[in-house]
All heavy atoms as atom14 arrays in JSON, in Angstrom:
{
  "sequence": "AEILGGDEIAALLPPGAVHQGIALKVTPLPELTVDEACDGASRVV",
  "atom14_mask": [
    [1, 1, 1, 1, 1, 0, 0, 0, 0, 0, 0, 0, 0, 0],
    [1, 1, 1, 1, 1, 1, 1, 1, 1, 0, 0, 0, 0, 0],
    [1, 1, 1, 1, 1, 1, 1, 1, 0, 0, 0, 0, 0, 0],
    [1, 1, 1, 1, 1, 1, 1, 1, 0, 0, 0, 0, 0, 0],
    [1, 1, 1, 1, 0, 0, 0, 0, 0, 0, 0, 0, 0, 0],
    [1, 1, 1, 1, 0, 0, 0, 0, 0, 0, 0, 0, 0, 0],
    [1, 1, 1, 1, 1, 1, 1, 1, 0, 0, 0, 0, 0, 0],
    [1, 1, 1, 1, 1, 1, 1, 1, 1, 0, 0, 0, 0, 0],
    [1, 1, 1, 1, 1, 1, 1, 1, 0, 0, 0, 0, 0, 0],
    [1, 1, 1, 1, 1, 0, 0, 0, 0, 0, 0, 0, 0, 0],
    [1, 1, 1, 1, 1, 0, 0, 0, 0, 0, 0, 0, 0, 0],
    [1, 1, 1, 1, 1, 1, 1, 1, 0, 0, 0, 0, 0, 0],
    [1, 1, 1, 1, 1, 1, 1, 1, 0, 0, 0, 0, 0, 0],
    [1, 1, 1, 1, 1, 1, 1, 0, 0, 0, 0, 0, 0, 0],
    [1, 1, 1, 1, 1, 1, 1, 0, 0, 0, 0, 0, 0, 0],
    [1, 1, 1, 1, 0, 0, 0, 0, 0, 0, 0, 0, 0, 0],
    [1, 1, 1, 1, 1, 0, 0, 0, 0, 0, 0, 0, 0, 0],
    [1, 1, 1, 1, 1, 1, 1, 0, 0, 0, 0, 0, 0, 0],
    [1, 1, 1, 1, 1, 1, 1, 1, 1, 1, 0, 0, 0, 0],
    [1, 1, 1, 1, 1, 1, 1, 1, 1, 0, 0, 0, 0, 0],
    [1, 1, 1, 1, 0, 0, 0, 0, 0, 0, 0, 0, 0, 0],
    [1, 1, 1, 1, 1, 1, 1, 1, 0, 0, 0, 0, 0, 0],
    [1, 1, 1, 1, 1, 0, 0, 0, 0, 0, 0, 0, 0, 0],
    [1, 1, 1, 1, 1, 1, 1, 1, 0, 0, 0, 0, 0, 0],
    [1, 1, 1, 1, 1, 1, 1, 1, 1, 0, 0, 0, 0, 0],
    [1, 1, 1, 1, 1, 1, 1, 0, 0, 0, 0, 0, 0, 0],
    [1, 1, 1, 1, 1, 1, 1, 0, 0, 0, 0, 0, 0, 0],
    [1, 1, 1, 1, 1, 1, 1, 0, 0, 0, 0, 0, 0, 0],
    [1, 1, 1, 1, 1, 1, 1, 1, 0, 0, 0, 0, 0, 0],
    [1, 1, 1, 1, 1, 1, 1, 0, 0, 0, 0, 0, 0, 0],
    [1, 1, 1, 1, 1, 1, 1, 1, 1, 0, 0, 0, 0, 0],
    [1, 1, 1, 1, 1, 1, 1, 1, 0, 0, 0, 0, 0, 0],
    [1, 1, 1, 1, 1, 1, 1, 0, 0, 0, 0, 0, 0, 0],
    [1, 1, 1, 1, 1, 1, 1, 0, 0, 0, 0, 0, 0, 0],
    [1, 1, 1, 1, 1, 1, 1, 1, 0, 0, 0, 0, 0, 0],
    [1, 1, 1, 1, 1, 1, 1, 1, 1, 0, 0, 0, 0, 0],
    [1, 1, 1, 1, 1, 0, 0, 0, 0, 0, 0, 0, 0, 0],
    [1, 1, 1, 1, 1, 1, 0, 0, 0, 0, 0, 0, 0, 0],
    [1, 1, 1, 1, 1, 1, 1, 1, 0, 0, 0, 0, 0, 0],
    [1, 1, 1, 1, 0, 0, 0, 0, 0, 0, 0, 0, 0, 0],
    [1, 1, 1, 1, 1, 0, 0, 0, 0, 0, 0, 0, 0, 0],
    [1, 1, 1, 1, 1, 1, 0, 0, 0, 0, 0, 0, 0, 0],
    [1, 1, 1, 1, 1, 1, 1, 1, 1, 1, 1, 0, 0, 0],
    [1, 1, 1, 1, 1, 1, 1, 0, 0, 0, 0, 0, 0, 0],
    [1, 1, 1, 1, 1, 1, 1, 0, 0, 0, 0, 0, 0, 0]
  ],
  "atom14_positions": [
    [[0.82, -1.2, 0.0], [0.0, 0.0, 0.0], [0.86, 1.26, 0.0], [1.94, 1.29, 0.6], [-0.91, 0.01, 1.22], [0.0, 0.0, 0.0], [0.0, 0.0, 0.0], [0.0, 0.0, 0.0], [0.0, 0.0, 0.0], [0.0, 0.0, 0.0], [0.0, 0.0, 0.0], [0.0, 0.0, 0.0], [0.0, 0.0, 0.0], [0.0, 0.0, 0.0]],
    [[0.38, 2.29, -0.69], [1.01, 3.61, -0.68], [0.15, 4.53, 0.18], [-1.06, 4.61, -0.01], [1.12, 4.17, -2.09], [1.92, 3.32, -3.06], [1.86, 3.88, -4.47], [2.03, 5.11, -4.63], [1.62, 3.09, -5.41], [0.0, 0.0, 0.0], [0.0, 0.0, 0.0], [0.0, 0.0, 0.0], [0.0, 0.0, 0.0], [0.0, 0.0, 0.0]],
    [[0.77, 5.22, 1.11], [0.04, 6.12, 2.0], [0.1, 7.54, 1.43], [1.18, 8.11, 1.25], [0.64, 6.09, 3.42], [0.69, 4.66, 3.96], [-0.19, 6.98, 4.35], [-0.65, 3.96, 4.01], [0.0, 0.0, 0.0], [0.0, 0.0, 0.0], [0.0, 0.0, 0.0], [0.0, 0.0, 0.0], [0.0, 0.0, 0.0], [0.0, 0.0, 0.0]],
    [[-1.07, 8.1, 1.13], [-1.18, 9.44, 0.57], [-2.25, 10.22, 1.32], [-3.07, 9.64, 2.04], [-1.55, 9.38, -0.92], [-0.58, 8.7, -1.88], [-1.19, 8.68, -3.28], [0.76, 9.43, -1.91], [0.0, 0.0, 0.0], [0.0, 0.0, 0.0], [0.0, 0.0, 0.0], [0.0, 0.0, 0.0], [0.0, 0.0, 0.0], [0.0, 0.0, 0.0]],
    [[-2.27, 11.52, 1.12], [-3.33, 12.34, 1.66], [-4.6, 12.17, 0.84], [-4.56, 11.76, -0.33], [0.0, 0.0, 0.0], [0.0, 0.0, 0.0], [0.0, 0.0, 0.0], [0.0, 0.0, 0.0], [0.0, 0.0, 0.0], [0.0, 0.0, 0.0], [0.0, 0.0, 0.0], [0.0, 0.0, 0.0], [0.0, 0.0, 0.0], [0.0, 0.0, 0.0]],
    [[-5.73, 12.52, 1.46], [-7.01, 12.37, 0.77], [-7.08, 13.17, -0.51], [-7.6, 12.68, -1.53], [0.0, 0.0, 0.0], [0.0, 0.0, 0.0], [0.0, 0.0, 0.0], [0.0, 0.0, 0.0], [0.0, 0.0, 0.0], [0.0, 0.0, 0.0], [0.0, 0.0, 0.0], [0.0, 0.0, 0.0], [0.0, 0.0, 0.0], [0.0, 0.0, 0.0]],
    [[-6.55, 14.4, -0.5], [-6.57, 15.23, -1.71], [-5.69, 14.66, -2.8], [-5.99, 14.77, -3.99], [-6.13, 16.66, -1.38], [-7.15, 17.41, -0.53], [-8.31, 16.96, -0.48], [-6.77, 18.42, 0.09], [0.0, 0.0, 0.0], [0.0, 0.0, 0.0], [0.0, 0.0, 0.0], [0.0, 0.0, 0.0], [0.0, 0.0, 0.0], [0.0, 0.0, 0.0]],
    [[-4.58, 14.04, -2.39], [-3.68, 13.43, -3.38], [-4.35, 12.25, -4.07], [-4.2, 12.05, -5.28], [-2.39, 12.97, -2.69], [-1.52, 14.09, -2.16], [-0.32, 13.57, -1.4], [-0.52, 12.93, -0.34], [0.81, 13.79, -1.87], [0.0, 0.0, 0.0], [0.0, 0.0, 0.0], [0.0, 0.0, 0.0], [0.0, 0.0, 0.0], [0.0, 0.0, 0.0]],
    [[-5.09, 11.45, -3.31], [-5.81, 10.33, -3.92], [-6.9, 10.85, -4.85], [-7.06, 10.37, -5.97], [-6.43, 9.43, -2.83], [-5.31, 8.75, -2.02], [-7.34, 8.37, -3.46], [-5.82, 7.89, -0.88], [0.0, 0.0, 0.0], [0.0, 0.0, 0.0], [0.0, 0.0, 0.0], [0.0, 0.0, 0.0], [0.0, 0.0, 0.0], [0.0, 0.0, 0.0]],
    [[-7.64, 11.87, -4.4], [-8.73, 12.43, -5.21], [-8.21, 12.95, -6.55], [-8.88, 12.83, -7.58], [-9.44, 13.54, -4.45], [0.0, 0.0, 0.0], [0.0, 0.0, 0.0], [0.0, 0.0, 0.0], [0.0, 0.0, 0.0], [0.0, 0.0, 0.0], [0.0, 0.0, 0.0], [0.0, 0.0, 0.0], [0.0, 0.0, 0.0], [0.0, 0.0, 0.0]],
    [[-7.01, 13.53, -6.54], [-6.44, 14.09, -7.77], [-6.11, 13.02, -8.8], [-6.01, 13.31, -10.0], [-5.17, 14.89, -7.43], [0.0, 0.0, 0.0], [0.0, 0.0, 0.0], [0.0, 0.0, 0.0], [0.0, 0.0, 0.0], [0.0, 0.0, 0.0], [0.0, 0.0, 0.0], [0.0, 0.0, 0.0], [0.0, 0.0, 0.0], [0.0, 0.0, 0.0]],
    [[-5.96, 11.77, -8.36], [-5.63, 10.68, -9.27], [-6.86, 9.96, -9.81], [-6.74, 9.1, -10.68], [-4.74, 9.66, -8.54], [-3.36, 10.17, -8.09], [-2.68, 9.12, -7.21], [-2.49, 10.49, -9.3], [0.0, 0.0, 0.0], [0.0, 0.0, 0.0], [0.0, 0.0, 0.0], [0.0, 0.0, 0.0], [0.0, 0.0, 0.0], [0.0, 0.0, 0.0]],
    [[-8.03, 10.32, -9.31], [-9.27, 9.62, -9.67], [-10.1, 10.44, -10.65], [-9.94, 11.65, -10.76], [-10.09, 9.33, -8.42], [-9.41, 8.48, -7.34], [-10.33, 8.31, -6.15], [-9.01, 7.13, -7.9], [0.0, 0.0, 0.0], [0.0, 0.0, 0.0], [0.0, 0.0, 0.0], [0.0, 0.0, 0.0], [0.0, 0.0, 0.0], [0.0, 0.0, 0.0]],
    [[-11.03, 9.8, -11.37], [-11.92, 10.53, -12.28], [-12.82, 11.49, -11.51], [-13.1, 11.27, -10.32], [-12.74, 9.42, -12.94], [-11.98, 8.17, -12.72], [-11.24, 8.34, -11.42], [0.0, 0.0, 0.0], [0.0, 0.0, 0.0], [0.0, 0.0, 0.0], [0.0, 0.0, 0.0], [0.0, 0.0, 0.0], [0.0, 0.0, 0.0], [0.0, 0.0, 0.0]],
    [[-13.31, 12.55, -12.16], [-14.22, 13.48, -11.49], [-15.46, 12.75, -10.97], [-16.02, 11.89, -11.64], [-14.6, 14.46, -12.61], [-13.47, 14.38, -13.59], [-12.98, 12.97, -13.53], [0.0, 0.0, 0.0], [0.0, 0.0, 0.0], [0.0, 0.0, 0.0], [0.0, 0.0, 0.0], [0.0, 0.0, 0.0], [0.0, 0.0, 0.0], [0.0, 0.0, 0.0]],
    [[-15.85, 13.1, -9.74], [-17.05, 12.5, -9.16], [-16.8, 11.23, -8.37], [-17.7, 10.75, -7.68], [0.0, 0.0, 0.0], [0.0, 0.0, 0.0], [0.0, 0.0, 0.0], [0.0, 0.0, 0.0], [0.0, 0.0, 0.0], [0.0, 0.0, 0.0], [0.0, 0.0, 0.0], [0.0, 0.0, 0.0], [0.0, 0.0, 0.0], [0.0, 0.0, 0.0]],
    [[-15.61, 10.67, -8.49], [-15.31, 9.44, -7.74], [-15.12, 9.78, -6.26], [-14.46, 10.75, -5.91], [-14.06, 8.77, -8.28], [0.0, 0.0, 0.0], [0.0, 0.0, 0.0], [0.0, 0.0, 0.0], [0.0, 0.0, 0.0], [0.0, 0.0, 0.0], [0.0, 0.0, 0.0], [0.0, 0.0, 0.0], [0.0, 0.0, 0.0], [0.0, 0.0, 0.0]],
    [[-15.72, 8.98, -5.38], [-15.61, 9.16, -3.93], [-14.77, 8.03, -3.38], [-15.17, 6.87, -3.45], [-17.0, 9.18, -3.27], [-16.87, 9.39, -1.76], [-17.87, 10.27, -3.88], [0.0, 0.0, 0.0], [0.0, 0.0, 0.0], [0.0, 0.0, 0.0], [0.0, 0.0, 0.0], [0.0, 0.0, 0.0], [0.0, 0.0, 0.0], [0.0, 0.0, 0.0]],
    [[-13.61, 8.36, -2.82], [-12.67, 7.28, -2.45], [-12.75, 6.87, -0.99], [-12.33, 5.76, -0.64], [-11.25, 7.68, -2.81], [-10.76, 8.93, -2.12], [-10.4, 8.96, -0.8], [-10.58, 10.19, -2.58], [-10.0, 10.17, -0.47], [-10.12, 10.95, -1.54], [0.0, 0.0, 0.0], [0.0, 0.0, 0.0], [0.0, 0.0, 0.0], [0.0, 0.0, 0.0]],
    [[-13.21, 7.73, -0.1], [-13.32, 7.4, 1.33], [-12.0, 6.88, 1.92], [-11.98, 6.02, 2.8], [-14.44, 6.39, 1.56], [-15.81, 6.94, 1.22], [-16.92, 5.94, 1.41], [-16.89, 4.86, 0.86], [-17.91, 6.3, 2.21], [0.0, 0.0, 0.0], [0.0, 0.0, 0.0], [0.0, 0.0, 0.0], [0.0, 0.0, 0.0], [0.0, 0.0, 0.0]],
    [[-10.91, 7.41, 1.38], [-9.6, 7.09, 1.95], [-8.92, 5.87, 1.37], [-7.83, 5.49, 1.83], [0.0, 0.0, 0.0], [0.0, 0.0, 0.0], [0.0, 0.0, 0.0], [0.0, 0.0, 0.0], [0.0, 0.0, 0.0], [0.0, 0.0, 0.0], [0.0, 0.0, 0.0], [0.0, 0.0, 0.0], [0.0, 0.0, 0.0], [0.0, 0.0, 0.0]],
    [[-9.51, 5.24, 0.37], [-8.89, 4.05, -0.21], [-9.21, 3.97, -1.7], [-10.33, 4.28, -2.11], [-9.36, 2.77, 0.52], [-8.64, 1.54, -0.04], [-10.87, 2.61, 0.46], [-8.82, 0.31, 0.83], [0.0, 0.0, 0.0], [0.0, 0.0, 0.0], [0.0, 0.0, 0.0], [0.0, 0.0, 0.0], [0.0, 0.0, 0.0], [0.0, 0.0, 0.0]],
    [[-8.23, 3.61, -2.5], [-8.44, 3.44, -3.95], [-7.52, 2.33, -4.44], [-6.37, 2.23, -4.01], [-8.14, 4.73, -4.7], [0.0, 0.0, 0.0], [0.0, 0.0, 0.0], [0.0, 0.0, 0.0], [0.0, 0.0, 0.0], [0.0, 0.0, 0.0], [0.0, 0.0, 0.0], [0.0, 0.0, 0.0], [0.0, 0.0, 0.0], [0.0, 0.0, 0.0]],
    [[-8.05, 1.5, -5.32], [-7.29, 0.38, -5.84], [-7.33, 0.42, -7.37], [-8.41, 0.47, -7.97], [-7.89, -0.95, -5.36], [-7.21, -2.23, -5.85], [-5.81, -2.34, -5.29], [-8.05, -3.45, -5.47], [0.0, 0.0, 0.0], [0.0, 0.0, 0.0], [0.0, 0.0, 0.0], [0.0, 0.0, 0.0], [0.0, 0.0, 0.0], [0.0, 0.0, 0.0]],
    [[-6.16, 0.42, -7.98], [-6.07, 0.33, -9.43], [-5.92, -1.14, -9.81], [-5.07, -1.85, -9.25], [-4.87, 1.12, -9.94], [-4.72, 1.08, -11.46], [-3.5, 1.88, -11.92], [-3.37, 1.82, -13.44], [-2.17, 2.57, -13.92], [0.0, 0.0, 0.0], [0.0, 0.0, 0.0], [0.0, 0.0, 0.0], [0.0, 0.0, 0.0], [0.0, 0.0, 0.0]],
    [[-6.76, -1.6, -10.74], [-6.73, -3.0, -11.14], [-6.68, -3.1, -12.66], [-6.9, -2.12, -13.37], [-7.97, -3.76, -10.62], [-7.98, -3.81, -9.1], [-9.25, -3.13, -11.15], [0.0, 0.0, 0.0], [0.0, 0.0, 0.0], [0.0, 0.0, 0.0], [0.0, 0.0, 0.0], [0.0, 0.0, 0.0], [0.0, 0.0, 0.0], [0.0, 0.0, 0.0]],
    [[-6.37, -4.28, -13.15], [-6.38, -4.51, -14.59], [-7.81, -4.43, -15.11], [-8.76, -4.64, -14.37], [-5.79, -5.89, -14.91], [-6.47, -6.89, -14.13], [-4.3, -5.94, -14.59], [0.0, 0.0, 0.0], [0.0, 0.0, 0.0], [0.0, 0.0, 0.0], [0.0, 0.0, 0.0], [0.0, 0.0, 0.0], [0.0, 0.0, 0.0], [0.0, 0.0, 0.0]],
    [[-7.98, -4.1, -16.4], [-9.34, -3.95, -16.94], [-10.11, -5.27, -16.91], [-9.53, -6.36, -16.84], [-9.08, -3.51, -18.39], [-7.68, -3.0, -18.42], [-6.93, -3.78, -17.39], [0.0, 0.0, 0.0], [0.0, 0.0, 0.0], [0.0, 0.0, 0.0], [0.0, 0.0, 0.0], [0.0, 0.0, 0.0], [0.0, 0.0, 0.0], [0.0, 0.0, 0.0]],
    [[-11.43, -5.15, -16.96], [-12.27, -6.32, -17.1], [-12.01, -6.98, -18.45], [-11.67, -6.3, -19.43], [-13.75, -5.92, -17.02], [-14.27, -5.51, -15.64], [-15.61, -4.8, -15.79], [-14.41, -6.72, -14.72], [0.0, 0.0, 0.0], [0.0, 0.0, 0.0], [0.0, 0.0, 0.0], [0.0, 0.0, 0.0], [0.0, 0.0, 0.0], [0.0, 0.0, 0.0]],
    [[-12.17, -8.29, -18.54], [-11.97, -8.96, -19.83], [-13.03, -8.54, -20.84], [-14.17, -8.25, -20.48], [-12.1, -10.45, -19.48], [-12.92, -10.48, -18.23], [-12.56, -9.24, -17.48], [0.0, 0.0, 0.0], [0.0, 0.0, 0.0], [0.0, 0.0, 0.0], [0.0, 0.0, 0.0], [0.0, 0.0, 0.0], [0.0, 0.0, 0.0], [0.0, 0.0, 0.0]],
    [[-12.66, -8.49, -22.11], [-13.61, -8.18, -23.17], [-14.27, -9.49, -23.6], [-13.61, -10.37, -24.16], [-12.91, -7.5, -24.34], [-12.35, -6.12, -23.98], [-11.74, -5.41, -25.18], [-11.81, -5.97, -26.3], [-11.22, -4.3, -25.0], [0.0, 0.0, 0.0], [0.0, 0.0, 0.0], [0.0, 0.0, 0.0], [0.0, 0.0, 0.0], [0.0, 0.0, 0.0]],
    [[-15.56, -9.63, -23.34], [-16.27, -10.87, -23.57], [-17.26, -10.74, -24.72], [-17.83, -9.68, -24.94], [-17.04, -11.29, -22.31], [-16.22, -11.51, -21.04], [-17.15, -11.82, -19.87], [-15.2, -12.62, -21.22], [0.0, 0.0, 0.0], [0.0, 0.0, 0.0], [0.0, 0.0, 0.0], [0.0, 0.0, 0.0], [0.0, 0.0, 0.0], [0.0, 0.0, 0.0]],
    [[-17.46, -11.83, -25.45], [-18.54, -11.89, -26.42], [-19.84, -12.21, -25.69], [-19.83, -12.58, -24.51], [-18.27, -12.98, -27.46], [-18.28, -14.26, -26.8], [-16.93, -12.77, -28.15], [0.0, 0.0, 0.0], [0.0, 0.0, 0.0], [0.0, 0.0, 0.0], [0.0, 0.0, 0.0], [0.0, 0.0, 0.0], [0.0, 0.0, 0.0], [0.0, 0.0, 0.0]],
    [[-20.96, -12.09, -26.39], [-22.25, -12.44, -25.79], [-22.24, -13.9, -25.36], [-22.68, -14.25, -24.26], [-23.4, -12.18, -26.79], [-24.72, -12.75, -26.27], [-23.53, -10.69, -27.06], [0.0, 0.0, 0.0], [0.0, 0.0, 0.0], [0.0, 0.0, 0.0], [0.0, 0.0, 0.0], [0.0, 0.0, 0.0], [0.0, 0.0, 0.0], [0.0, 0.0, 0.0]],
    [[-21.73, -14.76, -26.21], [-21.67, -16.19, -25.91], [-20.83, -16.46, -24.66], [-21.22, -17.24, -23.79], [-21.08, -16.94, -27.12], [-21.25, -18.44, -27.01], [-22.19, -18.89, -26.33], [-20.44, -19.17, -27.6], [0.0, 0.0, 0.0], [0.0, 0.0, 0.0], [0.0, 0.0, 0.0], [0.0, 0.0, 0.0], [0.0, 0.0, 0.0], [0.0, 0.0, 0.0]],
    [[-19.68, -15.8, -24.56], [-18.8, -16.01, -23.4], [-19.45, -15.48, -22.11], [-19.38, -16.13, -21.07], [-17.46, -15.31, -23.64], [-16.61, -15.97, -24.71], [-15.43, -15.11, -25.12], [-15.46, -13.87, -24.91], [-14.46, -15.67, -25.67], [0.0, 0.0, 0.0], [0.0, 0.0, 0.0], [0.0, 0.0, 0.0], [0.0, 0.0, 0.0], [0.0, 0.0, 0.0]],
    [[-20.05, -14.3, -22.19], [-20.65, -13.7, -21.0], [-21.81, -14.53, -20.49], [-22.02, -14.66, -19.27], [-21.12, -12.28, -21.3], [0.0, 0.0, 0.0], [0.0, 0.0, 0.0], [0.0, 0.0, 0.0], [0.0, 0.0, 0.0], [0.0, 0.0, 0.0], [0.0, 0.0, 0.0], [0.0, 0.0, 0.0], [0.0, 0.0, 0.0], [0.0, 0.0, 0.0]],
    [[-22.57, -15.14, -21.4], [-23.8, -15.85, -21.02], [-23.58, -17.33, -20.74], [-24.54, -18.04, -20.43], [-24.85, -15.69, -22.11], [-25.38, -13.99, -22.35], [0.0, 0.0, 0.0], [0.0, 0.0, 0.0], [0.0, 0.0, 0.0], [0.0, 0.0, 0.0], [0.0, 0.0, 0.0], [0.0, 0.0, 0.0], [0.0, 0.0, 0.0], [0.0, 0.0, 0.0]],
    [[-22.36, -17.79, -20.83], [-22.07, -19.2, -20.6], [-22.5, -19.61, -19.19], [-22.0, -19.07, -18.2], [-20.57, -19.47, -20.79], [-20.22, -20.94, -20.66], [-21.08, -21.78, -20.99], [-19.1, -21.25, -20.21], [0.0, 0.0, 0.0], [0.0, 0.0, 0.0], [0.0, 0.0, 0.0], [0.0, 0.0, 0.0], [0.0, 0.0, 0.0], [0.0, 0.0, 0.0]],
    [[-23.42, -20.53, -19.08], [-23.88, -21.02, -17.79], [-24.94, -20.16, -17.12], [-25.45, -20.53, -16.06], [0.0, 0.0, 0.0], [0.0, 0.0, 0.0], [0.0, 0.0, 0.0], [0.0, 0.0, 0.0], [0.0, 0.0, 0.0], [0.0, 0.0, 0.0], [0.0, 0.0, 0.0], [0.0, 0.0, 0.0], [0.0, 0.0, 0.0], [0.0, 0.0, 0.0]],
    [[-25.32, -19.03, -17.72], [-26.3, -18.13, -17.11], [-27.71, -18.54, -17.5], [-27.96, -18.96, -18.64], [-26.05, -16.69, -17.54], [0.0, 0.0, 0.0], [0.0, 0.0, 0.0], [0.0, 0.0, 0.0], [0.0, 0.0, 0.0], [0.0, 0.0, 0.0], [0.0, 0.0, 0.0], [0.0, 0.0, 0.0], [0.0, 0.0, 0.0], [0.0, 0.0, 0.0]],
    [[-28.65, -18.41, -16.56], [-30.06, -18.63, -16.87], [-30.84, -17.32, -16.9], [-31.96, -17.27, -17.43], [-30.69, -19.57, -15.84], [-30.58, -19.02, -14.53], [0.0, 0.0, 0.0], [0.0, 0.0, 0.0], [0.0, 0.0, 0.0], [0.0, 0.0, 0.0], [0.0, 0.0, 0.0], [0.0, 0.0, 0.0], [0.0, 0.0, 0.0], [0.0, 0.0, 0.0]],
    [[-30.27, -16.27, -16.33], [-30.89, -14.94, -16.39], [-29.83, -13.92, -16.81], [-28.7, -13.93, -16.3], [-31.49, -14.55, -15.03], [-32.73, -15.32, -14.68], [-33.39, -14.82, -13.41], [-32.58, -15.03, -12.22], [-32.46, -16.21, -11.59], [-33.06, -17.27, -12.07], [-31.73, -16.31, -10.5], [0.0, 0.0, 0.0], [0.0, 0.0, 0.0], [0.0, 0.0, 0.0]],
    [[-30.23, -13.06, -17.74], [-29.32, -12.07, -18.31], [-30.02, -10.72, -18.34], [-31.24, -10.65, -18.57], [-28.9, -12.48, -19.75], [-28.13, -11.37, -20.44], [-28.06, -13.75, -19.71], [0.0, 0.0, 0.0], [0.0, 0.0, 0.0], [0.0, 0.0, 0.0], [0.0, 0.0, 0.0], [0.0, 0.0, 0.0], [0.0, 0.0, 0.0], [0.0, 0.0, 0.0]],
    [[-29.28, -9.65, -18.11], [-29.8, -8.29, -18.22], [-29.23, -7.66, -19.48], [-28.03, -7.79, -19.76], [-29.42, -7.44, -17.0], [-29.89, -6.0, -17.17], [-30.0, -8.04, -15.73], [0.0, 0.0, 0.0], [0.0, 0.0, 0.0], [0.0, 0.0, 0.0], [0.0, 0.0, 0.0], [0.0, 0.0, 0.0], [0.0, 0.0, 0.0], [0.0, 0.0, 0.0]]
  ]
}
C-alpha cells in the first residue's frame, strides 16, 4: 500500500469518484462476447 493524503488520492481519480480514503487500481475487465458472457447463465440483463 502507498500512504497518501485524501486530496492526493482524489487528484488521481476521475471526477465524481468518492474514495473514502482508499483506492485500488486493477487490470481492466476482460472483453467478452455475448456467448462467453452468457455461458452457464439462466438470467441475463
